[in-house]
Amino acid sequence: MLVFKTLLPLFFALMTQLTLFDFDKNSDLSQWKTVDDVVMGGRSDGDFYLSKAGHGVFTGTISTENNGGFSSVQYRFQKTNTAPYKKYLLRIKGDGKRYQFRVKSDVAQPHSYVHYIETSGNWQLVEILFSEMYATFRGRKLDLPNFQGDALGQIGFLTGNKRNENFKLEIDFIKVE
């Protein structure tokens, strides 16, 4: 019983955070995919790569031509139990523009859960409660409960501020806590 009592605090300390993606110079980006408005005839162009410092970089150009105006990057992974956690922790550096952080409980789910992030141009540690994320589909808010957080299968970022512009978002890590 003494061993159990000794290991219990260690177990709970390990459970306080789960790393979904921690970028470094050797990160495998093969499961990260960009999706732009070209899927519906638009002309925006996003890219995702590793910087020399080992951060994920989501960058590109937004064009409102042909009713376009968005670019996104998505990371799909094996469905993960996130019931013990309550919030996301993101370390990001934006360009002063607004971005959406997007999640799906399951990749087959048609809708995403969204939270807007205002970036400052400096590195930021952003905390987002699961309960603050609301359901959307193709830019429209849905009449569904906010994200429950029991499971997770996809995370990503989207930019689309209804104007022609360049964008750049650097990502250090994405965790749940």
C-alpha atoms as a PDB file:
ATOM      1  CA  MET A   1       0.000   0.000   0.000  1.00  0.00           C
ATOM      2  CA  LEU A   2       2.923   2.347   0.709  1.00  0.00           C
ATOM      3  CA  VAL A   3       4.196   1.963  -2.872  1.00  0.00           C
ATOM      4  CA  PHE A   4       0.753   2.823  -4.241  1.00  0.00           C
ATOM      5  CA  LYS A   5       0.530   5.963  -2.099  1.00  0.00           C
ATOM      6  CA  THR A   6       4.034   6.970  -3.203  1.00  0.00           C
ATOM      7  CA  LEU A   7       3.337   6.479  -6.919  1.00  0.00           C
ATOM      8  CA  LEU A   8      -0.141   8.027  -6.912  1.00  0.00           C
ATOM      9  CA  PRO A   9       1.088  11.667  -6.939  1.00  0.00           C
ATOM     10  CA  LEU A  10       3.482  10.821  -9.788  1.00  0.00           C
ATOM     11  CA  PHE A  11       0.624   9.269 -11.772  1.00  0.00           C
ATOM     12  CA  PHE A  12      -1.548  12.393 -11.337  1.00  0.00           C
ATOM     13  CA  ALA A  13       1.371  14.678 -12.242  1.00  0.00           C
ATOM     14  CA  LEU A  14       1.791  12.783 -15.508  1.00  0.00           C
ATOM     15  CA  MET A  15      -1.947  13.032 -16.194  1.00  0.00           C
ATOM     16  CA  THR A  16      -2.061  16.818 -15.864  1.00  0.00           C
ATOM     17  CA  GLN A  17      -0.916  17.356 -19.450  1.00  0.00           C
ATOM     18  CA  LEU A  18      -1.052  15.438 -22.701  1.00  0.00           C
ATOM     19  CA  THR A  19       1.050  16.647 -25.609  1.00  0.00           C
ATOM     20  CA  LEU A  20      -0.826  16.518 -28.902  1.00  0.00           C
ATOM     21  CA  PHE A  21       2.103  17.909 -30.914  1.00  0.00           C
ATOM     22  CA  ASP A  22       5.435  19.389 -29.826  1.00  0.00           C
ATOM     23  CA  PHE A  23       7.406  20.773 -32.746  1.00  0.00           C
ATOM     24  CA  ASP A  24      11.174  20.408 -33.029  1.00  0.00           C
ATOM     25  CA  LYS A  25      13.721  20.249 -35.844  1.00  0.00           C
ATOM     26  CA  ASN A  26      12.960  16.543 -36.403  1.00  0.00           C
ATOM     27  CA  SER A  27       9.153  16.728 -36.355  1.00  0.00           C
ATOM     28  CA  ASP A  28       7.299  14.596 -38.886  1.00  0.00           C
ATOM     29  CA  LEU A  29       4.766  16.830 -40.637  1.00  0.00           C
ATOM     30  CA  SER A  30       3.364  14.102 -42.901  1.00  0.00           C
ATOM     31  CA  GLN A  31       0.000  14.084 -41.061  1.00  0.00           C
ATOM     32  CA  TRP A  32      -0.363  17.884 -41.272  1.00  0.00           C
ATOM     33  CA  LYS A  33      -2.366  18.935 -44.350  1.00  0.00           C
ATOM     34  CA  THR A  34      -3.267  22.361 -45.722  1.00  0.00           C
ATOM     35  CA  VAL A  35      -6.778  22.908 -47.047  1.00  0.00           C
ATOM     36  CA  ASP A  36      -7.467  26.158 -48.885  1.00  0.00           C
ATOM     37  CA  ASP A  37     -10.523  27.696 -50.505  1.00  0.00           C
ATOM     38  CA  VAL A  38      -9.374  26.205 -53.842  1.00  0.00           C
ATOM     39  CA  VAL A  39     -11.606  23.241 -52.918  1.00  0.00           C
ATOM     40  CA  MET A  40     -14.520  25.583 -53.773  1.00  0.00           C
ATOM     41  CA  GLY A  41     -12.917  27.632 -56.553  1.00  0.00           C
ATOM     42  CA  GLY A  42     -11.009  30.202 -54.471  1.00  0.00           C
ATOM     43  CA  ARG A  43      -7.426  31.316 -54.945  1.00  0.00           C
ATOM     44  CA  SER A  44      -5.912  31.351 -51.437  1.00  0.00           C
ATOM     45  CA  ASP A  45      -2.636  29.515 -50.946  1.00  0.00           C
ATOM     46  CA  GLY A  46      -1.383  28.157 -47.618  1.00  0.00           C
ATOM     47  CA  ASP A  47       1.767  26.247 -46.758  1.00  0.00           C
ATOM     48  CA  PHE A  48       3.016  24.414 -43.660  1.00  0.00           C
ATOM     49  CA  TYR A  49       6.663  23.695 -42.900  1.00  0.00           C
ATOM     50  CA  LEU A  50       9.278  23.516 -40.133  1.00  0.00           C
ATOM     51  CA  SER A  51      11.333  26.611 -39.392  1.00  0.00           C
ATOM     52  CA  LYS A  52      15.088  26.386 -38.759  1.00  0.00           C
ATOM     53  CA  ALA A  53      14.266  26.850 -35.062  1.00  0.00           C
ATOM     54  CA  GLY A  54      11.993  23.795 -35.177  1.00  0.00           C
ATOM     55  CA  HIS A  55       8.561  25.455 -35.071  1.00  0.00           C
ATOM     56  CA  GLY A  56       5.611  24.615 -37.275  1.00  0.00           C
ATOM     57  CA  VAL A  57       4.954  27.533 -39.648  1.00  0.00           C
ATOM     58  CA  PHE A  58       1.544  28.056 -41.254  1.00  0.00           C
ATOM     59  CA  THR A  59       1.930  30.780 -43.860  1.00  0.00           C
ATOM     60  CA  GLY A  60       0.463  31.964 -47.120  1.00  0.00           C
ATOM     61  CA  THR A  61      -1.822  34.365 -48.915  1.00  0.00           C
ATOM     62  CA  ILE A  62      -5.562  34.829 -48.588  1.00  0.00           C
ATOM     63  CA  SER A  63      -7.471  35.865 -51.710  1.00  0.00           C
ATOM     64  CA  THR A  64     -11.146  36.789 -51.783  1.00  0.00           C
ATOM     65  CA  GLU A  65     -11.317  36.204 -55.555  1.00  0.00           C
ATOM     66  CA  ASN A  66     -13.943  33.685 -56.747  1.00  0.00           C
ATOM     67  CA  ASN A  67     -15.721  33.874 -53.370  1.00  0.00           C
ATOM     68  CA  GLY A  68     -12.620  32.547 -51.619  1.00  0.00           C
ATOM     69  CA  GLY A  69     -11.006  33.763 -48.449  1.00  0.00           C
ATOM     70  CA  PHE A  70      -9.606  31.024 -46.204  1.00  0.00           C
ATOM     71  CA  SER A  71      -6.673  28.723 -45.618  1.00  0.00           C
ATOM     72  CA  SER A  72      -6.319  26.033 -42.971  1.00  0.00           C
ATOM     73  CA  VAL A  73      -3.887  23.452 -41.678  1.00  0.00           C
ATOM     74  CA  GLN A  74      -5.103  20.238 -40.048  1.00  0.00           C
ATOM     75  CA  TYR A  75      -3.455  17.477 -38.066  1.00  0.00           C
ATOM     76  CA  ARG A  76      -5.305  14.154 -37.953  1.00  0.00           C
ATOM     77  CA  PHE A  77      -4.334  11.491 -35.456  1.00  0.00           C
ATOM     78  CA  GLN A  78      -5.679   8.365 -33.823  1.00  0.00           C
ATOM     79  CA  LYS A  79      -8.769   9.179 -31.781  1.00  0.00           C
ATOM     80  CA  THR A  80      -7.561  10.016 -28.278  1.00  0.00           C
ATOM     81  CA  ASN A  81      -9.418   9.961 -24.970  1.00  0.00           C
ATOM     82  CA  THR A  82      -9.264  13.511 -23.595  1.00  0.00           C
ATOM     83  CA  ALA A  83     -11.949  13.116 -20.896  1.00  0.00           C
ATOM     84  CA  PRO A  84      -9.479  13.753 -18.017  1.00  0.00           C
ATOM     85  CA  TYR A  85      -8.595  17.186 -19.450  1.00  0.00           C
ATOM     86  CA  LYS A  86     -10.419  20.521 -19.565  1.00  0.00           C
ATOM     87  CA  LYS A  87      -8.412  22.914 -21.749  1.00  0.00           C
ATOM     88  CA  TYR A  88      -5.913  23.369 -24.576  1.00  0.00           C
ATOM     89  CA  LEU A  89      -2.512  24.973 -24.114  1.00  0.00           C
ATOM     90  CA  LEU A  90      -0.991  26.456 -27.267  1.00  0.00           C
ATOM     91  CA  ARG A  91       2.326  28.231 -27.589  1.00  0.00           C
ATOM     92  CA  ILE A  92       2.088  30.290 -30.766  1.00  0.00           C
ATOM     93  CA  LYS A  93       3.482  33.387 -32.407  1.00  0.00           C
ATOM     94  CA  GLY A  94       1.148  35.112 -34.825  1.00  0.00           C
ATOM     95  CA  ASP A  95       1.426  38.166 -36.998  1.00  0.00           C
ATOM     96  CA  GLY A  96      -1.157  40.262 -35.138  1.00  0.00           C
ATOM     97  CA  LYS A  97      -4.061  38.722 -37.045  1.00  0.00           C
ATOM     98  CA  ARG A  98      -6.971  36.608 -35.826  1.00  0.00           C
ATOM     99  CA  TYR A  99      -6.908  32.816 -36.248  1.00  0.00           C
ATOM    100  CA  GLN A 100      -9.311  30.014 -35.476  1.00  0.00           C
ATOM    101  CA  PHE A 101      -8.150  27.052 -33.441  1.00  0.00           C
ATOM    102  CA  ARG A 102     -10.295  24.123 -34.616  1.00  0.00           C
ATOM    103  CA  VAL A 103     -10.850  20.615 -33.278  1.00  0.00           C
ATOM    104  CA  LYS A 104     -12.908  17.538 -34.080  1.00  0.00           C
ATOM    105  CA  SER A 105     -13.764  14.666 -31.776  1.00  0.00           C
ATOM    106  CA  ASP A 106     -13.592  12.343 -34.758  1.00  0.00           C
ATOM    107  CA  VAL A 107     -12.263  13.012 -38.275  1.00  0.00           C
ATOM    108  CA  ALA A 108     -15.523  11.672 -39.775  1.00  0.00           C
ATOM    109  CA  GLN A 109     -17.497  14.345 -37.913  1.00  0.00           C
ATOM    110  CA  PRO A 110     -18.721  16.953 -40.453  1.00  0.00           C
ATOM    111  CA  HIS A 111     -18.492  19.931 -38.094  1.00  0.00           C
ATOM    112  CA  SER A 112     -15.584  21.457 -36.180  1.00  0.00           C
ATOM    113  CA  TYR A 113     -15.411  23.154 -32.798  1.00  0.00           C
ATOM    114  CA  VAL A 114     -13.876  26.624 -32.991  1.00  0.00           C
ATOM    115  CA  HIS A 115     -12.254  29.253 -30.790  1.00  0.00           C
ATOM    116  CA  TYR A 116     -10.822  32.533 -32.111  1.00  0.00           C
ATOM    117  CA  ILE A 117      -7.328  33.648 -31.104  1.00  0.00           C
ATOM    118  CA  GLU A 118      -6.099  37.231 -31.432  1.00  0.00           C
ATOM    119  CA  THR A 119      -2.343  37.092 -31.976  1.00  0.00           C
ATOM    120  CA  SER A 120       0.038  39.793 -30.793  1.00  0.00           C
ATOM    121  CA  GLY A 121       3.128  39.416 -32.954  1.00  0.00           C
ATOM    122  CA  ASN A 122       4.976  37.887 -29.970  1.00  0.00           C
ATOM    123  CA  TRP A 123       5.083  34.391 -28.508  1.00  0.00           C
ATOM    124  CA  GLN A 124       1.913  33.723 -26.522  1.00  0.00           C
ATOM    125  CA  LEU A 125       0.759  30.929 -24.263  1.00  0.00           C
ATOM    126  CA  VAL A 126      -2.934  30.567 -25.084  1.00  0.00           C
ATOM    127  CA  GLU A 127      -5.339  28.639 -22.862  1.00  0.00           C
ATOM    128  CA  ILE A 128      -8.703  27.592 -24.298  1.00  0.00           C
ATOM    129  CA  LEU A 129     -11.298  25.798 -22.211  1.00  0.00           C
ATOM    130  CA  PHE A 130     -13.008  22.939 -24.038  1.00  0.00           C
ATOM    131  CA  SER A 131     -16.347  24.424 -22.994  1.00  0.00           C
ATOM    132  CA  GLU A 132     -15.553  27.697 -24.864  1.00  0.00           C
ATOM    133  CA  MET A 133     -15.405  25.956 -28.249  1.00  0.00           C
ATOM    134  CA  TYR A 134     -18.604  26.038 -30.315  1.00  0.00           C
ATOM    135  CA  ALA A 135     -19.692  23.921 -33.283  1.00  0.00           C
ATOM    136  CA  THR A 136     -19.464  25.287 -36.842  1.00  0.00           C
ATOM    137  CA  PHE A 137     -19.901  23.934 -40.345  1.00  0.00           C
ATOM    138  CA  ARG A 138     -18.707  25.885 -43.382  1.00  0.00           C
ATOM    139  CA  GLY A 139     -18.485  29.084 -41.372  1.00  0.00           C
ATOM    140  CA  ARG A 140     -21.929  28.830 -39.813  1.00  0.00           C
ATOM    141  CA  LYS A 141     -22.485  28.388 -36.086  1.00  0.00           C
ATOM    142  CA  LEU A 142     -24.553  25.275 -35.346  1.00  0.00           C
ATOM    143  CA  ASP A 143     -27.178  24.766 -32.687  1.00  0.00           C
ATOM    144  CA  LEU A 144     -25.186  22.059 -30.896  1.00  0.00           C
ATOM    145  CA  PRO A 145     -23.693  21.913 -27.400  1.00  0.00           C
ATOM    146  CA  ASN A 146     -20.169  23.293 -27.007  1.00  0.00           C
ATOM    147  CA  PHE A 147     -17.230  20.870 -27.158  1.00  0.00           C
ATOM    148  CA  GLN A 148     -17.507  18.218 -24.451  1.00  0.00           C
ATOM    149  CA  GLY A 149     -13.862  17.161 -24.681  1.00  0.00           C
ATOM    150  CA  ASP A 150     -14.278  13.410 -24.254  1.00  0.00           C
ATOM    151  CA  ALA A 151     -12.280  12.520 -27.369  1.00  0.00           C
ATOM    152  CA  LEU A 152     -10.125  14.182 -29.983  1.00  0.00           C
ATOM    153  CA  GLY A 153      -9.109  13.140 -33.515  1.00  0.00           C
ATOM    154  CA  GLN A 154      -8.134  16.352 -35.317  1.00  0.00           C
ATOM    155  CA  ILE A 155      -6.707  19.767 -34.453  1.00  0.00           C
ATOM    156  CA  GLY A 156      -5.892  22.692 -36.692  1.00  0.00           C
ATOM    157  CA  PHE A 157      -5.838  26.377 -37.465  1.00  0.00           C
ATOM    158  CA  LEU A 158      -7.760  28.446 -39.991  1.00  0.00           C
ATOM    159  CA  THR A 159      -7.431  32.023 -41.150  1.00  0.00           C
ATOM    160  CA  GLY A 160     -10.006  33.889 -43.168  1.00  0.00           C
ATOM    161  CA  ASN A 161     -10.552  37.498 -42.190  1.00  0.00           C
ATOM    162  CA  LYS A 162     -12.615  38.461 -45.279  1.00  0.00           C
ATOM    163  CA  ARG A 163      -9.804  40.442 -46.880  1.00  0.00           C
ATOM    164  CA  ASN A 164      -6.805  39.872 -49.145  1.00  0.00           C
ATOM    165  CA  GLU A 165      -3.721  39.465 -46.960  1.00  0.00           C
ATOM    166  CA  ASN A 166      -0.588  37.501 -46.207  1.00  0.00           C
ATOM    167  CA  PHE A 167      -0.426  35.525 -42.970  1.00  0.00           C
ATOM    168  CA  LYS A 168       2.081  33.720 -40.769  1.00  0.00           C
ATOM    169  CA  LEU A 169       1.492  31.680 -37.617  1.00  0.00           C
ATOM    170  CA  GLU A 170       4.284  29.824 -35.817  1.00  0.00           C
ATOM    171  CA  ILE A 171       3.438  26.941 -33.498  1.00  0.00           C
ATOM    172  CA  ASP A 172       5.672  25.582 -30.745  1.00  0.00           C
ATOM    173  CA  PHE A 173       3.316  23.084 -29.083  1.00  0.00           C
ATOM    174  CA  ILE A 174      -0.284  22.032 -28.618  1.00  0.00           C
ATOM    175  CA  LYS A 175      -1.250  20.274 -25.393  1.00  0.00           C
ATOM    176  CA  VAL A 176      -4.295  19.492 -23.296  1.00  0.00           C
ATOM    177  CA  GLU A 177      -4.382  19.977 -19.571  1.00  0.00           C
END
